[in-house]
C-alpha atoms as a PDB file:
ATOM      1  CA  MET A   1       0.000   0.000   0.000  1.00  0.00           C
ATOM      2  CA  LEU A   2       2.729   2.455   1.003  1.00  0.00           C
ATOM      3  CA  LYS A   3       4.744   1.486  -2.043  1.00  0.00           C
ATOM      4  CA  ARG A   4       1.785   2.091  -4.340  1.00  0.00           C
ATOM      5  CA  ILE A   5       1.200   5.565  -2.874  1.00  0.00           C
ATOM      6  CA  PHE A   6       4.658   6.964  -2.255  1.00  0.00           C
ATOM      7  CA  LEU A   7       6.431   5.425  -5.228  1.00  0.00           C
ATOM      8  CA  SER A   8       3.794   6.589  -7.685  1.00  0.00           C
ATOM      9  CA  GLU A   9       4.973   9.686  -9.520  1.00  0.00           C
ATOM     10  CA  LYS A  10       1.387  10.669 -10.381  1.00  0.00           C
ATOM     11  CA  VAL A  11       0.344  10.603  -6.710  1.00  0.00           C
ATOM     12  CA  ILE A  12       3.372  12.662  -5.669  1.00  0.00           C
ATOM     13  CA  LEU A  13       2.807  15.237  -8.400  1.00  0.00           C
ATOM     14  CA  PHE A  14      -0.864  15.502  -7.424  1.00  0.00           C
ATOM     15  CA  ALA A  15       0.183  16.066  -3.792  1.00  0.00           C
ATOM     16  CA  ILE A  16       2.649  18.759  -4.911  1.00  0.00           C
ATOM     17  CA  LEU A  17      -0.163  20.539  -6.763  1.00  0.00           C
ATOM     18  CA  LEU A  18      -2.458  20.399  -3.736  1.00  0.00           C
ATOM     19  CA  ASN A  19       0.317  21.639  -1.484  1.00  0.00           C
ATOM     20  CA  ALA A  20       1.000  24.518  -3.887  1.00  0.00           C
ATOM     21  CA  ALA A  21      -2.706  25.437  -3.769  1.00  0.00           C
ATOM     22  CA  ILE A  22      -2.615  25.508   0.055  1.00  0.00           C
ATOM     23  CA  LEU A  23       0.520  27.664   0.062  1.00  0.00           C
ATOM     24  CA  PHE A  24      -1.181  29.963  -2.439  1.00  0.00           C
ATOM     25  CA  LEU A  25      -4.160  30.388  -0.099  1.00  0.00           C
ATOM     26  CA  LEU A  26      -1.881  30.974   2.888  1.00  0.00           C
ATOM     27  CA  SER A  27      -0.382  33.945   1.057  1.00  0.00           C
ATOM     28  CA  PHE A  28      -3.671  35.856   1.322  1.00  0.00           C
ATOM     29  CA  PRO A  29      -3.802  38.201   4.358  1.00  0.00           C
ATOM     30  CA  ASN A  30      -7.252  36.912   5.377  1.00  0.00           C
ATOM     31  CA  TRP A  31      -6.144  33.268   5.338  1.00  0.00           C
ATOM     32  CA  LYS A  32      -2.496  33.329   6.367  1.00  0.00           C
ATOM     33  CA  ASN A  33      -3.434  32.645  10.013  1.00  0.00           C
ATOM     34  CA  ASP A  34      -6.185  30.129   9.256  1.00  0.00           C
ATOM     35  CA  PRO A  35      -5.520  27.134  11.589  1.00  0.00           C
ATOM     36  CA  ASN A  36      -7.225  24.649   9.248  1.00  0.00           C
ATOM     37  CA  LEU A  37      -5.000  25.587   6.312  1.00  0.00           C
ATOM     38  CA  HIS A  38      -1.928  25.359   8.536  1.00  0.00           C
ATOM     39  CA  TRP A  39      -2.917  21.862   9.659  1.00  0.00           C
ATOM     40  CA  VAL A  40      -3.357  20.787   6.036  1.00  0.00           C
ATOM     41  CA  ASP A  41      -0.006  22.346   5.214  1.00  0.00           C
ATOM     42  CA  ASN A  42       1.635  20.455   8.077  1.00  0.00           C
ATOM     43  CA  PHE A  43       0.001  17.268   6.803  1.00  0.00           C
ATOM     44  CA  PHE A  44       1.826  17.710   3.510  1.00  0.00           C
ATOM     45  CA  ILE A  45       5.109  18.104   5.361  1.00  0.00           C
ATOM     46  CA  PHE A  46       4.451  14.733   7.013  1.00  0.00           C
ATOM     47  CA  PHE A  47       3.388  13.310   3.649  1.00  0.00           C
ATOM     48  CA  PHE A  48       6.604  14.320   1.865  1.00  0.00           C
ATOM     49  CA  LEU A  49       8.666  13.192   4.860  1.00  0.00           C
ATOM     50  CA  ALA A  50       6.949   9.788   4.636  1.00  0.00           C
ATOM     51  CA  GLU A  51       7.643   9.731   0.879  1.00  0.00           C
ATOM     52  CA  MET A  52      11.342  10.245   1.547  1.00  0.00           C
ATOM     53  CA  VAL A  53      11.459   7.513   4.231  1.00  0.00           C
ATOM     54  CA  VAL A  54       9.570   4.993   2.039  1.00  0.00           C
ATOM     55  CA  LYS A  55      11.853   5.633  -0.940  1.00  0.00           C
ATOM     56  CA  LEU A  56      14.947   5.258   1.229  1.00  0.00           C
ATOM     57  CA  TYR A  57      13.551   1.977   2.585  1.00  0.00           C
ATOM     58  CA  TYR A  58      12.637   0.417  -0.758  1.00  0.00           C
ATOM     59  CA  TRP A  59      15.426   1.848  -2.903  1.00  0.00           C
ATOM     60  CA  GLY A  60      18.251   2.163  -0.418  1.00  0.00           C
ATOM     61  CA  SER A  61      20.306   5.272   0.222  1.00  0.00           C
ATOM     62  CA  LYS A  62      22.699   4.667  -2.683  1.00  0.00           C
ATOM     63  CA  LYS A  63      19.980   4.457  -5.330  1.00  0.00           C
ATOM     64  CA  TYR A  64      17.938   7.233  -3.710  1.00  0.00           C
ATOM     65  CA  PHE A  65      20.749   9.788  -3.572  1.00  0.00           C
ATOM     66  CA  SER A  66      22.047   8.868  -7.021  1.00  0.00           C
ATOM     67  CA  ASP A  67      19.046  10.663  -8.515  1.00  0.00           C
ATOM     68  CA  THR A  68      19.261  14.476  -8.735  1.00  0.00           C
ATOM     69  CA  TRP A  69      15.544  14.972  -8.121  1.00  0.00           C
ATOM     70  CA  ASN A  70      15.706  12.832  -4.973  1.00  0.00           C
ATOM     71  CA  ARG A  71      18.598  14.876  -3.604  1.00  0.00           C
ATOM     72  CA  PHE A  72      16.622  18.012  -4.390  1.00  0.00           C
ATOM     73  CA  ASP A  73      13.514  16.603  -2.632  1.00  0.00           C
ATOM     74  CA  PHE A  74      15.621  15.577   0.369  1.00  0.00           C
ATOM     75  CA  PHE A  75      16.910  19.137   0.755  1.00  0.00           C
ATOM     76  CA  LEU A  76      13.389  20.602   0.549  1.00  0.00           C
ATOM     77  CA  VAL A  77      12.009  18.123   3.092  1.00  0.00           C
ATOM     78  CA  MET A  78      14.846  18.886   5.505  1.00  0.00           C
ATOM     79  CA  ALA A  79      14.275  22.618   4.988  1.00  0.00           C
ATOM     80  CA  SER A  80      10.584  22.151   5.864  1.00  0.00           C
ATOM     81  CA  LEU A  81      11.213  20.339   9.144  1.00  0.00           C
ATOM     82  CA  PRO A  82      11.534  23.557  11.218  1.00  0.00           C
ATOM     83  CA  ALA A  83       7.835  24.169  10.493  1.00  0.00           C
ATOM     84  CA  LEU A  84       7.067  20.830  12.188  1.00  0.00           C
ATOM     85  CA  MET A  85       9.377  21.630  15.076  1.00  0.00           C
ATOM     86  CA  ALA A  86       7.351  24.782  15.721  1.00  0.00           C
ATOM     87  CA  LEU A  87       4.390  22.537  16.611  1.00  0.00           C
ATOM     88  CA  PHE A  88       6.277  21.027  19.543  1.00  0.00           C
ATOM     89  CA  PHE A  89       8.924  23.591  20.487  1.00  0.00           C
ATOM     90  CA  PRO A  90       8.647  27.378  20.847  1.00  0.00           C
ATOM     91  CA  ILE A  91      10.571  29.126  18.090  1.00  0.00           C
ATOM     92  CA  PRO A  92      11.008  32.898  18.734  1.00  0.00           C
ATOM     93  CA  ASN A  93      11.315  34.016  15.120  1.00  0.00           C
ATOM     94  CA  THR A  94       8.766  32.149  12.993  1.00  0.00           C
ATOM     95  CA  SER A  95       9.117  34.384   9.913  1.00  0.00           C
ATOM     96  CA  ILE A  96      11.937  32.172   8.613  1.00  0.00           C
ATOM     97  CA  LEU A  97       9.487  29.246   8.523  1.00  0.00           C
ATOM     98  CA  LEU A  98       7.595  30.940   5.690  1.00  0.00           C
ATOM     99  CA  VAL A  99      10.765  30.846   3.574  1.00  0.00           C
ATOM    100  CA  PHE A 100      11.207  27.115   4.210  1.00  0.00           C
ATOM    101  CA  ARG A 101       7.554  26.525   3.378  1.00  0.00           C
ATOM    102  CA  MET A 102       7.775  28.462   0.119  1.00  0.00           C
ATOM    103  CA  LEU A 103      10.757  26.353  -0.960  1.00  0.00           C
ATOM    104  CA  ARG A 104       8.364  23.451  -1.474  1.00  0.00           C
ATOM    105  CA  LEU A 105       6.828  25.327  -4.396  1.00  0.00           C
ATOM    106  CA  VAL A 106      10.060  24.685  -6.261  1.00  0.00           C
ATOM    107  CA  ARG A 107       8.965  21.044  -6.520  1.00  0.00           C
ATOM    108  CA  LEU A 108       6.472  22.204  -9.145  1.00  0.00           C
ATOM    109  CA  SER A 109       9.442  22.332 -11.484  1.00  0.00           C
ATOM    110  CA  LYS A 110       9.012  18.553 -11.810  1.00  0.00           C
ATOM    111  CA  PHE A 111       6.096  19.264 -14.119  1.00  0.00           C
ATOM    112  CA  LEU A 112       8.551  20.771 -16.600  1.00  0.00           C
ATOM    113  CA  TRP A 113       9.577  17.273 -17.600  1.00  0.00           C
ATOM    114  CA  PHE A 114       6.082  16.639 -18.959  1.00  0.00           C
ATOM    115  CA  ILE A 115       6.561  19.445 -21.500  1.00  0.00           C
ATOM    116  CA  PRO A 116       7.324  18.004 -24.957  1.00  0.00           C
ATOM    117  CA  ASN A 117      11.003  18.293 -25.971  1.00  0.00           C
ATOM    118  CA  MET A 118      11.874  19.738 -22.545  1.00  0.00           C
ATOM    119  CA  LYS A 119      15.317  18.141 -22.692  1.00  0.00           C
ATOM    120  CA  HIS A 120      16.089  19.901 -25.978  1.00  0.00           C
ATOM    121  CA  ILE A 121      14.829  23.192 -24.525  1.00  0.00           C
ATOM    122  CA  LEU A 122      17.146  22.905 -21.511  1.00  0.00           C
ATOM    123  CA  VAL A 123      20.091  21.973 -23.741  1.00  0.00           C
ATOM    124  CA  GLY A 124      19.345  24.991 -25.930  1.00  0.00           C
ATOM    125  CA  LEU A 125      19.029  27.206 -22.867  1.00  0.00           C
ATOM    126  CA  GLY A 126      22.435  26.143 -21.583  1.00  0.00           C
ATOM    127  CA  ARG A 127      23.990  26.685 -25.012  1.00  0.00           C
ATOM    128  CA  ALA A 128      22.348  30.133 -25.297  1.00  0.00           C
ATOM    129  CA  LEU A 129      23.593  31.202 -21.863  1.00  0.00           C
ATOM    130  CA  LYS A 130      27.111  30.077 -22.740  1.00  0.00           C
ATOM    131  CA  ALA A 131      27.055  31.913 -26.086  1.00  0.00           C
ATOM    132  CA  SER A 132      25.749  35.189 -24.625  1.00  0.00           C
ATOM    133  CA  PHE A 133      27.954  35.050 -21.514  1.00  0.00           C
ATOM    134  CA  PHE A 134      30.676  37.376 -22.819  1.00  0.00           C
ATOM    135  CA  VAL A 135      28.112  39.891 -24.105  1.00  0.00           C
ATOM    136  CA  LEU A 136      26.516  39.967 -20.649  1.00  0.00           C
ATOM    137  CA  ILE A 137      29.960  40.425 -19.064  1.00  0.00           C
ATOM    138  CA  ALA A 138      30.604  43.330 -21.439  1.00  0.00           C
ATOM    139  CA  LEU A 139      27.263  44.891 -20.494  1.00  0.00           C
ATOM    140  CA  ALA A 140      28.068  44.489 -16.790  1.00  0.00           C
ATOM    141  CA  PHE A 141      31.441  46.196 -17.325  1.00  0.00           C
ATOM    142  CA  LEU A 142      29.727  48.991 -19.267  1.00  0.00           C
ATOM    143  CA  ASN A 143      27.184  49.332 -16.452  1.00  0.00           C
ATOM    144  CA  ILE A 144      29.923  49.754 -13.835  1.00  0.00           C
ATOM    145  CA  LEU A 145      31.846  52.217 -16.004  1.00  0.00           C
ATOM    146  CA  LEU A 146      28.773  54.356 -16.669  1.00  0.00           C
ATOM    147  CA  SER A 147      27.700  54.153 -13.013  1.00  0.00           C
ATOM    148  CA  VAL A 148      30.974  55.646 -11.800  1.00  0.00           C
ATOM    149  CA  LEU A 149      30.960  58.285 -14.548  1.00  0.00           C
ATOM    150  CA  SER A 150      27.325  59.217 -13.856  1.00  0.00           C
ATOM    151  CA  CYS A 151      28.044  59.556 -10.132  1.00  0.00           C
ATOM    152  CA  GLN A 152      30.761  62.057 -10.915  1.00  0.00           C
ATOM    153  CA  LEU A 153      28.499  64.030 -13.254  1.00  0.00           C
ATOM    154  CA  PHE A 154      25.055  63.937 -11.609  1.00  0.00           C
ATOM    155  CA  SER A 155      25.408  62.967  -7.932  1.00  0.00           C
ATOM    156  CA  THR A 156      24.499  66.497  -6.805  1.00  0.00           C
ATOM    157  CA  GLN A 157      21.655  66.937  -9.299  1.00  0.00           C
ATOM    158  CA  SER A 158      19.809  63.626  -9.007  1.00  0.00           C
ATOM    159  CA  PRO A 159      19.285  61.085  -6.189  1.00  0.00           C
ATOM    160  CA  ASP A 160      19.382  58.374  -8.860  1.00  0.00           C
ATOM    161  CA  PHE A 161      23.157  58.769  -8.937  1.00  0.00           C
ATOM    162  CA  SER A 162      23.836  59.464  -5.261  1.00  0.00           C
ATOM    163  CA  ASP A 163      26.232  56.496  -4.986  1.00  0.00           C
ATOM    164  CA  PRO A 164      27.582  53.770  -7.307  1.00  0.00           C
ATOM    165  CA  ILE A 165      24.980  51.220  -6.159  1.00  0.00           C
ATOM    166  CA  ASN A 166      22.014  53.480  -6.943  1.00  0.00           C
ATOM    167  CA  ALA A 167      23.726  54.603 -10.123  1.00  0.00           C
ATOM    168  CA  SER A 168      24.255  50.987 -11.223  1.00  0.00           C
ATOM    169  CA  TYR A 169      20.546  50.253 -10.761  1.00  0.00           C
ATOM    170  CA  THR A 170      19.624  53.449 -12.627  1.00  0.00           C
ATOM    171  CA  ILE A 171      21.943  52.582 -15.523  1.00  0.00           C
ATOM    172  CA  PHE A 172      20.343  49.141 -15.681  1.00  0.00           C
ATOM    173  CA  GLN A 173      16.951  50.876 -15.933  1.00  0.00           C
ATOM    174  CA  LEU A 174      18.318  52.908 -18.814  1.00  0.00           C
ATOM    175  CA  PHE A 175      19.552  49.709 -20.494  1.00  0.00           C
ATOM    176  CA  THR A 176      16.024  48.297 -20.281  1.00  0.00           C
ATOM    177  CA  ILE A 177      14.655  51.656 -21.578  1.00  0.00           C
ATOM    178  CA  GLU A 178      12.426  51.766 -18.492  1.00  0.00           C
ATOM    179  CA  GLY A 179      11.438  55.353 -17.636  1.00  0.00           C
ATOM    180  CA  TRP A 180      14.645  56.691 -19.139  1.00  0.00           C
ATOM    181  CA  HIS A 181      13.078  60.077 -19.921  1.00  0.00           C
ATOM    182  CA  GLU A 182      12.066  60.487 -16.247  1.00  0.00           C
ATOM    183  CA  ILE A 183      15.634  59.777 -15.151  1.00  0.00           C
ATOM    184  CA  THR A 184      16.861  62.346 -17.658  1.00  0.00           C
ATOM    185  CA  ASN A 185      14.356  64.955 -16.468  1.00  0.00           C
ATOM    186  CA  ARG A 186      15.440  64.510 -12.850  1.00  0.00           C
ATOM    187  CA  ALA A 187      19.083  64.913 -13.860  1.00  0.00           C
ATOM    188  CA  VAL A 188      18.435  68.226 -15.655  1.00  0.00           C
ATOM    189  CA  ALA A 189      16.028  69.592 -13.033  1.00  0.00           C
ATOM    190  CA  GLY A 190      17.274  72.883 -11.643  1.00  0.00           C
ATOM    191  CA  GLN A 191      19.778  73.455 -14.452  1.00  0.00           C
ATOM    192  CA  ASP A 192      19.698  76.937 -15.969  1.00  0.00           C
ATOM    193  CA  SER A 193      22.223  76.455 -18.737  1.00  0.00           C
ATOM    194  CA  SER A 194      20.704  75.211 -21.975  1.00  0.00           C
ATOM    195  CA  THR A 195      24.119  73.853 -22.977  1.00  0.00           C
ATOM    196  CA  VAL A 196      24.366  71.696 -19.842  1.00  0.00           C
ATOM    197  CA  ILE A 197      20.801  70.479 -20.350  1.00  0.00           C
ATOM    198  CA  GLY A 198      21.542  69.630 -23.985  1.00  0.00           C
ATOM    199  CA  PHE A 199      24.719  67.685 -23.184  1.00  0.00           C
ATOM    200  CA  THR A 200      22.984  65.862 -20.300  1.00  0.00           C
ATOM    201  CA  ARG A 201      20.174  64.733 -22.556  1.00  0.00           C
ATOM    202  CA  LEU A 202      22.666  63.691 -25.224  1.00  0.00           C
ATOM    203  CA  TYR A 203      24.592  61.686 -22.610  1.00  0.00           C
ATOM    204  CA  PHE A 204      21.509  59.690 -21.620  1.00  0.00           C
ATOM    205  CA  VAL A 205      20.489  59.155 -25.236  1.00  0.00           C
ATOM    206  CA  ILE A 206      23.926  57.641 -25.897  1.00  0.00           C
ATOM    207  CA  VAL A 207      23.617  55.425 -22.801  1.00  0.00           C
ATOM    208  CA  VAL A 208      20.207  54.171 -23.943  1.00  0.00           C
ATOM    209  CA  LEU A 209      21.438  53.574 -27.503  1.00  0.00           C
ATOM    210  CA  PHE A 210      24.607  51.658 -26.606  1.00  0.00           C
ATOM    211  CA  GLY A 211      23.336  49.838 -23.529  1.00  0.00           C
ATOM    212  CA  GLY A 212      19.687  49.291 -24.365  1.00  0.00           C
ATOM    213  CA  VAL A 213      19.174  49.355 -28.119  1.00  0.00           C
ATOM    214  CA  PHE A 214      22.518  47.874 -29.205  1.00  0.00           C
ATOM    215  CA  GLY A 215      23.772  45.990 -26.128  1.00  0.00           C
ATOM    216  CA  LEU A 216      20.660  44.161 -24.958  1.00  0.00           C
ATOM    217  CA  SER A 217      19.485  43.661 -28.534  1.00  0.00           C
ATOM    218  CA  LEU A 218      22.787  41.946 -29.360  1.00  0.00           C
ATOM    219  CA  ALA A 219      22.553  39.722 -26.268  1.00  0.00           C
ATOM    220  CA  ASN A 220      18.943  38.874 -27.101  1.00  0.00           C
ATOM    221  CA  ALA A 221      19.802  38.098 -30.744  1.00  0.00           C
ATOM    222  CA  ILE A 222      22.612  35.717 -29.727  1.00  0.00           C
ATOM    223  CA  PHE A 223      20.404  34.072 -27.107  1.00  0.00           C
ATOM    224  CA  VAL A 224      17.508  33.489 -29.508  1.00  0.00           C
ATOM    225  CA  ASP A 225      19.817  32.300 -32.296  1.00  0.00           C
ATOM    226  CA  GLU A 226      21.362  29.645 -30.036  1.00  0.00           C
ATOM    227  CA  MET A 227      17.955  28.577 -28.726  1.00  0.00           C
ATOM    228  CA  ILE A 228      16.547  27.879 -32.199  1.00  0.00           C
ATOM    229  CA  ILE A 229      19.681  26.333 -33.693  1.00  0.00           C
ATOM    230  CA  ASP A 230      18.248  22.852 -33.055  1.00  0.00           C
ATOM    231  CA  ASN A 231      15.324  23.696 -35.330  1.00  0.00           C
ATOM    232  CA  ASN A 232      17.752  24.248 -38.204  1.00  0.00           C
ATOM    233  CA  LYS A 233      19.934  21.221 -37.482  1.00  0.00           C
ATOM    234  CA  GLU A 234      17.584  18.740 -39.169  1.00  0.00           C
ATOM    235  CA  LEU A 235      17.463  20.907 -42.292  1.00  0.00           C
ATOM    236  CA  GLU A 236      21.257  21.259 -42.296  1.00  0.00           C
ATOM    237  CA  ASP A 237      21.666  17.474 -42.009  1.00  0.00           C
ATOM    238  CA  LYS A 238      19.368  16.966 -44.998  1.00  0.00           C
ATOM    239  CA  ILE A 239      21.340  19.507 -47.022  1.00  0.00           C
ATOM    240  CA  ASP A 240      24.621  17.779 -46.097  1.00  0.00           C
ATOM    241  CA  HIS A 241      23.150  14.400 -47.075  1.00  0.00           C
ATOM    242  CA  LEU A 242      21.944  15.826 -50.379  1.00  0.00           C
ATOM    243  CA  GLN A 243      25.360  17.366 -51.022  1.00  0.00           C
ATOM    244  CA  GLU A 244      27.009  13.975 -50.475  1.00  0.00           C
ATOM    245  CA  LYS A 245      24.713  12.418 -53.081  1.00  0.00           C
ATOM    246  CA  ILE A 246      25.497  15.218 -55.548  1.00  0.00           C
ATOM    247  CA  ASP A 247      29.234  14.702 -54.993  1.00  0.00           C
ATOM    248  CA  LYS A 248      28.888  10.961 -55.630  1.00  0.00           C
ATOM    249  CA  LEU A 249      26.918  11.588 -58.836  1.00  0.00           C
ATOM    250  CA  GLN A 250      29.581  14.015 -60.033  1.00  0.00           C
ATOM    251  CA  GLN A 251      32.286  11.438 -59.374  1.00  0.00           C
ATOM    252  CA  LEU A 252      30.359   8.786 -61.334  1.00  0.00           C
ATOM    253  CA  LEU A 253      29.897  11.174 -64.289  1.00  0.00           C
ATOM    254  CA  GLU A 254      33.578  12.063 -64.269  1.00  0.00           C
ATOM    255  CA  GLN A 255      34.550   8.377 -64.300  1.00  0.00           C
ATOM    256  CA  ARG A 256      32.389   7.812 -67.387  1.00  0.00           C
END
């Protein structure tokens, strides 16, 4: 009976969905202190703890921990145990328990494996991240450079550039073209010289062009190109196969 329940992937996934629904309800202010929901939530902690124990019993520790998902589940179950301890022992700061409880939502990622061609998607994602890595590093370097420069130029005019940390966040906003005109307006506020205002606006236009329009567009183009390269591989293989046949035909004609 236990084997049929706890070793069934469908049952476990259904329990994960129900647990996610309970955690979703507990996030509402009116229900976050509902004792019934908390008891159901604690039941799921016991359920997943029992799942781990049953799998360790039937599979053995070597087979259990050889699987990445099982190691991941083990970590989440262990992280959820403080919520059970709070039922029996007084814990002064219970806010950390919410973090441990929310970690169980990560188990929903198991459903990703039911998406068709998920393995190819993940392979493409890894390849895309690797290909765009140096572009992202270049953008990060440009962000730091512009942050320091902007602090020197506008720290007294705008709170957006009061220190390098704030300036780095503001430059990132400019890269995403998010409210860039508002940032520019705050930087030129209080300036009387039309020349200074003109050069300030030109400066931010250049930042948006190089960081947002060119920089992020380049990173996005490389990322998308690497993600869809698998879609072209089958066509490329057919073309290569056709080219081999053409070469063989040409060789036969030359021999004749």
